[in-house]
Amino acid sequence: MKTKLFLAALLSITFLGFTQSKKMTKTGEVKFEASVPSFEEVKAENKTTTVVLNTDNGDIAALALMKGFRFKIALMEEHFNENYIESDKFPKATFKGKVVDFDMSKLSETEKEFTIKGTLELHGKSKKISVPAKIKKSGDAISLTTAFSVNSDDFDIEIPSVVSKKVSKTVNIDVDCVLK
């Protein structure tokens, strides 16, 4: 009996120690904008992005469901899901990478600049990217923000010629999350 209790305690401590090296959120915010001056704003937000950071080695992964993006105009959201992103065929965007030179012990309440390198997969296509990020520690939580741009052509996202002057091929992306 004592052996079983000891093993259960040891497994619990091991598991708790393992989970402490990962910080995550399921409420990360991803915003994108592909607006062109003088035309309707092409902008959306997803507040249900999952992000996981391994605080031991800086490995980072993120997942955003395409149908989680919300637009001001319902018709724009419908066109995004059906015609551009094809959400039924390509339901998610993922990122897997690493925060370069990440060291949890050096984080403080002052933002520190890092580079995140990895692979962004969207619309069935993958592209290696390197983006700047600001990371800070706030109590037990880690705040991470980044802003970068991608080109819709890199992911074979076709913009119909009838609206090509109204939608930019350069898509600006902002990510903001608090990992606990």
C-alpha atoms as a PDB file:
ATOM      1  CA  MET A   1       0.000   0.000   0.000  1.00  0.00           C
ATOM      2  CA  LYS A   2       2.798   2.416   0.897  1.00  0.00           C
ATOM      3  CA  THR A   3       4.510   1.623  -2.410  1.00  0.00           C
ATOM      4  CA  LYS A   4       1.342   2.453  -4.392  1.00  0.00           C
ATOM      5  CA  LEU A   5       0.886   5.687  -2.454  1.00  0.00           C
ATOM      6  CA  PHE A   6       4.528   6.612  -3.001  1.00  0.00           C
ATOM      7  CA  LEU A   7       4.271   5.901  -6.757  1.00  0.00           C
ATOM      8  CA  ALA A   8       1.073   7.933  -7.023  1.00  0.00           C
ATOM      9  CA  ALA A   9       2.728  10.860  -5.213  1.00  0.00           C
ATOM     10  CA  LEU A  10       5.848  10.578  -7.388  1.00  0.00           C
ATOM     11  CA  LEU A  11       3.782  10.519 -10.595  1.00  0.00           C
ATOM     12  CA  SER A  12       1.772  13.528  -9.419  1.00  0.00           C
ATOM     13  CA  ILE A  13       4.902  15.516  -8.633  1.00  0.00           C
ATOM     14  CA  THR A  14       6.460  14.529 -11.981  1.00  0.00           C
ATOM     15  CA  PHE A  15       3.296  15.476 -13.865  1.00  0.00           C
ATOM     16  CA  LEU A  16       2.980  18.806 -12.048  1.00  0.00           C
ATOM     17  CA  GLY A  17       6.628  19.566 -12.712  1.00  0.00           C
ATOM     18  CA  PHE A  18       6.142  18.782 -16.410  1.00  0.00           C
ATOM     19  CA  THR A  19       3.052  20.922 -16.787  1.00  0.00           C
ATOM     20  CA  GLN A  20       4.754  23.877 -15.111  1.00  0.00           C
ATOM     21  CA  SER A  21       7.118  24.145 -18.102  1.00  0.00           C
ATOM     22  CA  LYS A  22       4.218  24.901 -20.428  1.00  0.00           C
ATOM     23  CA  LYS A  23       2.150  28.068 -20.521  1.00  0.00           C
ATOM     24  CA  MET A  24      -0.953  28.278 -22.666  1.00  0.00           C
ATOM     25  CA  THR A  25      -4.140  30.074 -23.557  1.00  0.00           C
ATOM     26  CA  LYS A  26      -7.285  29.246 -25.488  1.00  0.00           C
ATOM     27  CA  THR A  27      -8.275  32.903 -25.716  1.00  0.00           C
ATOM     28  CA  GLY A  28      -5.423  34.354 -27.748  1.00  0.00           C
ATOM     29  CA  GLU A  29      -6.427  37.190 -30.068  1.00  0.00           C
ATOM     30  CA  VAL A  30      -5.476  37.222 -33.735  1.00  0.00           C
ATOM     31  CA  LYS A  31      -6.499  40.173 -35.874  1.00  0.00           C
ATOM     32  CA  PHE A  32      -5.883  40.628 -39.550  1.00  0.00           C
ATOM     33  CA  GLU A  33      -6.423  43.446 -41.976  1.00  0.00           C
ATOM     34  CA  ALA A  34      -6.245  43.448 -45.778  1.00  0.00           C
ATOM     35  CA  SER A  35      -7.823  46.843 -46.374  1.00  0.00           C
ATOM     36  CA  VAL A  36      -7.112  49.152 -49.280  1.00  0.00           C
ATOM     37  CA  PRO A  37      -7.479  52.949 -48.831  1.00  0.00           C
ATOM     38  CA  SER A  38     -10.794  54.431 -50.034  1.00  0.00           C
ATOM     39  CA  PHE A  39     -12.620  51.086 -49.903  1.00  0.00           C
ATOM     40  CA  GLU A  40     -14.555  49.053 -47.325  1.00  0.00           C
ATOM     41  CA  GLU A  41     -12.468  47.911 -44.358  1.00  0.00           C
ATOM     42  CA  VAL A  42     -11.370  44.261 -44.685  1.00  0.00           C
ATOM     43  CA  LYS A  43     -10.661  43.350 -41.104  1.00  0.00           C
ATOM     44  CA  ALA A  44     -11.431  40.457 -38.736  1.00  0.00           C
ATOM     45  CA  GLU A  45     -10.666  39.175 -35.256  1.00  0.00           C
ATOM     46  CA  ASN A  46     -10.462  35.733 -33.657  1.00  0.00           C
ATOM     47  CA  LYS A  47     -10.497  35.614 -29.838  1.00  0.00           C
ATOM     48  CA  THR A  48     -10.320  31.819 -29.528  1.00  0.00           C
ATOM     49  CA  THR A  49      -6.780  31.076 -30.678  1.00  0.00           C
ATOM     50  CA  THR A  50      -4.871  28.421 -28.751  1.00  0.00           C
ATOM     51  CA  VAL A  51      -1.202  29.171 -28.061  1.00  0.00           C
ATOM     52  CA  VAL A  52       1.232  26.939 -26.133  1.00  0.00           C
ATOM     53  CA  LEU A  53       4.748  27.954 -25.068  1.00  0.00           C
ATOM     54  CA  ASN A  54       7.298  25.543 -23.621  1.00  0.00           C
ATOM     55  CA  THR A  55       9.140  27.739 -21.117  1.00  0.00           C
ATOM     56  CA  ASP A  56      12.065  25.288 -20.912  1.00  0.00           C
ATOM     57  CA  ASN A  57      13.140  25.571 -24.544  1.00  0.00           C
ATOM     58  CA  GLY A  58      11.055  28.308 -26.242  1.00  0.00           C
ATOM     59  CA  ASP A  59       9.067  25.976 -28.496  1.00  0.00           C
ATOM     60  CA  ILE A  60       5.785  27.623 -29.432  1.00  0.00           C
ATOM     61  CA  ALA A  61       2.674  26.457 -31.274  1.00  0.00           C
ATOM     62  CA  ALA A  62      -0.604  28.147 -32.169  1.00  0.00           C
ATOM     63  CA  LEU A  63      -3.897  27.093 -33.717  1.00  0.00           C
ATOM     64  CA  ALA A  64      -6.687  29.335 -34.999  1.00  0.00           C
ATOM     65  CA  LEU A  65      -9.937  28.013 -36.426  1.00  0.00           C
ATOM     66  CA  MET A  66     -10.851  29.931 -39.567  1.00  0.00           C
ATOM     67  CA  LYS A  67     -14.549  30.051 -38.711  1.00  0.00           C
ATOM     68  CA  GLY A  68     -13.560  31.826 -35.473  1.00  0.00           C
ATOM     69  CA  PHE A  69     -12.774  35.068 -37.329  1.00  0.00           C
ATOM     70  CA  ARG A  70     -15.460  37.724 -36.942  1.00  0.00           C
ATOM     71  CA  PHE A  71     -16.030  40.621 -39.342  1.00  0.00           C
ATOM     72  CA  LYS A  72     -18.179  43.724 -38.922  1.00  0.00           C
ATOM     73  CA  ILE A  73     -20.124  42.739 -42.039  1.00  0.00           C
ATOM     74  CA  ALA A  74     -21.686  39.249 -42.108  1.00  0.00           C
ATOM     75  CA  LEU A  75     -21.457  38.983 -45.912  1.00  0.00           C
ATOM     76  CA  MET A  76     -17.709  39.636 -45.740  1.00  0.00           C
ATOM     77  CA  GLU A  77     -17.376  36.841 -43.183  1.00  0.00           C
ATOM     78  CA  GLU A  78     -19.342  34.497 -45.452  1.00  0.00           C
ATOM     79  CA  HIS A  79     -17.148  35.331 -48.473  1.00  0.00           C
ATOM     80  CA  PHE A  80     -13.989  34.890 -46.362  1.00  0.00           C
ATOM     81  CA  ASN A  81     -15.049  31.400 -45.251  1.00  0.00           C
ATOM     82  CA  GLU A  82     -16.550  30.186 -48.532  1.00  0.00           C
ATOM     83  CA  ASN A  83     -14.527  31.855 -51.295  1.00  0.00           C
ATOM     84  CA  TYR A  84     -11.137  32.928 -49.957  1.00  0.00           C
ATOM     85  CA  ILE A  85     -10.056  30.683 -47.087  1.00  0.00           C
ATOM     86  CA  GLU A  86     -12.397  27.785 -47.949  1.00  0.00           C
ATOM     87  CA  SER A  87     -12.887  27.010 -44.255  1.00  0.00           C
ATOM     88  CA  ASP A  88     -14.671  23.708 -44.830  1.00  0.00           C
ATOM     89  CA  LYS A  89     -11.671  22.421 -46.781  1.00  0.00           C
ATOM     90  CA  PHE A  90      -8.980  24.213 -44.714  1.00  0.00           C
ATOM     91  CA  PRO A  91     -10.519  24.682 -41.243  1.00  0.00           C
ATOM     92  CA  LYS A  92      -7.471  25.936 -39.348  1.00  0.00           C
ATOM     93  CA  ALA A  93      -4.252  27.887 -39.455  1.00  0.00           C
ATOM     94  CA  THR A  94      -1.312  26.594 -37.432  1.00  0.00           C
ATOM     95  CA  PHE A  95       2.086  27.868 -36.428  1.00  0.00           C
ATOM     96  CA  LYS A  96       4.922  25.769 -35.022  1.00  0.00           C
ATOM     97  CA  GLY A  97       8.234  27.318 -34.150  1.00  0.00           C
ATOM     98  CA  LYS A  98      10.634  28.588 -31.547  1.00  0.00           C
ATOM     99  CA  VAL A  99      11.242  31.807 -29.642  1.00  0.00           C
ATOM    100  CA  VAL A 100      14.926  32.379 -30.413  1.00  0.00           C
ATOM    101  CA  ASP A 101      17.156  32.650 -27.306  1.00  0.00           C
ATOM    102  CA  PHE A 102      14.166  32.331 -24.968  1.00  0.00           C
ATOM    103  CA  ASP A 103      15.132  32.291 -21.284  1.00  0.00           C
ATOM    104  CA  MET A 104      12.263  32.315 -18.801  1.00  0.00           C
ATOM    105  CA  SER A 105      14.564  33.428 -15.976  1.00  0.00           C
ATOM    106  CA  LYS A 106      15.354  36.680 -17.812  1.00  0.00           C
ATOM    107  CA  LEU A 107      11.726  37.752 -18.280  1.00  0.00           C
ATOM    108  CA  SER A 108      10.366  40.625 -16.198  1.00  0.00           C
ATOM    109  CA  GLU A 109       7.447  43.030 -16.242  1.00  0.00           C
ATOM    110  CA  THR A 110       9.325  45.052 -18.857  1.00  0.00           C
ATOM    111  CA  GLU A 111       8.749  43.889 -22.415  1.00  0.00           C
ATOM    112  CA  LYS A 112      11.718  42.227 -24.046  1.00  0.00           C
ATOM    113  CA  GLU A 113      12.080  41.851 -27.805  1.00  0.00           C
ATOM    114  CA  PHE A 114      12.505  38.392 -29.318  1.00  0.00           C
ATOM    115  CA  THR A 115      12.377  36.777 -32.737  1.00  0.00           C
ATOM    116  CA  ILE A 116      10.025  33.884 -33.362  1.00  0.00           C
ATOM    117  CA  LYS A 117      10.939  31.561 -36.221  1.00  0.00           C
ATOM    118  CA  GLY A 118       8.799  28.744 -37.535  1.00  0.00           C
ATOM    119  CA  THR A 119       6.297  27.493 -40.075  1.00  0.00           C
ATOM    120  CA  LEU A 120       2.895  29.042 -40.692  1.00  0.00           C
ATOM    121  CA  GLU A 121       0.381  26.719 -42.333  1.00  0.00           C
ATOM    122  CA  LEU A 122      -2.690  28.296 -43.886  1.00  0.00           C
ATOM    123  CA  HIS A 123      -5.020  27.268 -46.694  1.00  0.00           C
ATOM    124  CA  GLY A 124      -3.107  23.989 -47.104  1.00  0.00           C
ATOM    125  CA  LYS A 125       0.231  25.738 -47.743  1.00  0.00           C
ATOM    126  CA  SER A 126       3.240  26.144 -45.450  1.00  0.00           C
ATOM    127  CA  LYS A 127       5.694  29.018 -45.282  1.00  0.00           C
ATOM    128  CA  LYS A 128       8.675  29.587 -43.024  1.00  0.00           C
ATOM    129  CA  ILE A 129       8.444  32.955 -41.296  1.00  0.00           C
ATOM    130  CA  SER A 130      10.500  34.979 -38.852  1.00  0.00           C
ATOM    131  CA  VAL A 131       8.631  37.618 -36.854  1.00  0.00           C
ATOM    132  CA  PRO A 132       9.440  40.077 -34.073  1.00  0.00           C
ATOM    133  CA  ALA A 133       7.690  39.593 -30.744  1.00  0.00           C
ATOM    134  CA  LYS A 134       7.459  41.382 -27.413  1.00  0.00           C
ATOM    135  CA  ILE A 135       7.281  39.147 -24.348  1.00  0.00           C
ATOM    136  CA  LYS A 136       6.979  39.992 -20.675  1.00  0.00           C
ATOM    137  CA  LYS A 137       6.199  38.207 -17.439  1.00  0.00           C
ATOM    138  CA  SER A 138       3.360  39.391 -15.260  1.00  0.00           C
ATOM    139  CA  GLY A 139       3.030  37.313 -12.102  1.00  0.00           C
ATOM    140  CA  ASP A 140       2.681  33.701 -13.257  1.00  0.00           C
ATOM    141  CA  ALA A 141       1.505  34.750 -16.722  1.00  0.00           C
ATOM    142  CA  ILE A 142       3.455  35.550 -19.876  1.00  0.00           C
ATOM    143  CA  SER A 143       2.210  38.215 -22.299  1.00  0.00           C
ATOM    144  CA  LEU A 144       3.198  37.844 -25.938  1.00  0.00           C
ATOM    145  CA  THR A 145       2.463  40.244 -28.797  1.00  0.00           C
ATOM    146  CA  THR A 146       3.589  40.270 -32.398  1.00  0.00           C
ATOM    147  CA  ALA A 147       2.711  42.055 -35.611  1.00  0.00           C
ATOM    148  CA  PHE A 148       3.740  40.899 -39.062  1.00  0.00           C
ATOM    149  CA  SER A 149       2.557  40.668 -42.672  1.00  0.00           C
ATOM    150  CA  VAL A 150       2.026  37.795 -45.080  1.00  0.00           C
ATOM    151  CA  ASN A 151       1.174  37.743 -48.768  1.00  0.00           C
ATOM    152  CA  SER A 152      -2.027  35.947 -49.801  1.00  0.00           C
ATOM    153  CA  ASP A 153      -0.241  34.570 -52.907  1.00  0.00           C
ATOM    154  CA  ASP A 154       2.138  32.592 -50.646  1.00  0.00           C
ATOM    155  CA  PHE A 155      -0.855  30.551 -49.467  1.00  0.00           C
ATOM    156  CA  ASP A 156      -2.648  30.266 -52.842  1.00  0.00           C
ATOM    157  CA  ILE A 157      -5.518  32.444 -51.633  1.00  0.00           C
ATOM    158  CA  GLU A 158      -7.153  33.788 -54.758  1.00  0.00           C
ATOM    159  CA  ILE A 159      -8.674  37.240 -54.763  1.00  0.00           C
ATOM    160  CA  PRO A 160     -11.262  37.480 -57.564  1.00  0.00           C
ATOM    161  CA  SER A 161     -10.479  40.155 -60.153  1.00  0.00           C
ATOM    162  CA  VAL A 162     -13.823  41.882 -59.490  1.00  0.00           C
ATOM    163  CA  VAL A 163     -12.618  42.826 -55.952  1.00  0.00           C
ATOM    164  CA  SER A 164      -8.844  42.750 -56.463  1.00  0.00           C
ATOM    165  CA  LYS A 165      -8.576  46.550 -56.146  1.00  0.00           C
ATOM    166  CA  LYS A 166     -10.570  46.461 -52.884  1.00  0.00           C
ATOM    167  CA  VAL A 167      -8.602  43.745 -51.042  1.00  0.00           C
ATOM    168  CA  SER A 168      -4.877  43.908 -50.395  1.00  0.00           C
ATOM    169  CA  LYS A 169      -2.671  40.885 -51.073  1.00  0.00           C
ATOM    170  CA  THR A 170      -0.579  42.049 -48.118  1.00  0.00           C
ATOM    171  CA  VAL A 171      -2.329  40.896 -44.960  1.00  0.00           C
ATOM    172  CA  ASN A 172      -1.286  42.546 -41.682  1.00  0.00           C
ATOM    173  CA  ILE A 173      -1.574  40.229 -38.685  1.00  0.00           C
ATOM    174  CA  ASP A 174      -1.530  41.134 -34.983  1.00  0.00           C
ATOM    175  CA  VAL A 175      -1.341  38.504 -32.231  1.00  0.00           C
ATOM    176  CA  ASP A 176      -1.915  39.272 -28.561  1.00  0.00           C
ATOM    177  CA  CYS A 177      -2.086  36.578 -25.889  1.00  0.00           C
ATOM    178  CA  VAL A 178      -1.633  35.986 -22.181  1.00  0.00           C
ATOM    179  CA  LEU A 179      -0.283  32.504 -21.404  1.00  0.00           C
ATOM    180  CA  LYS A 180      -0.939  30.970 -17.991  1.00  0.00           C
END
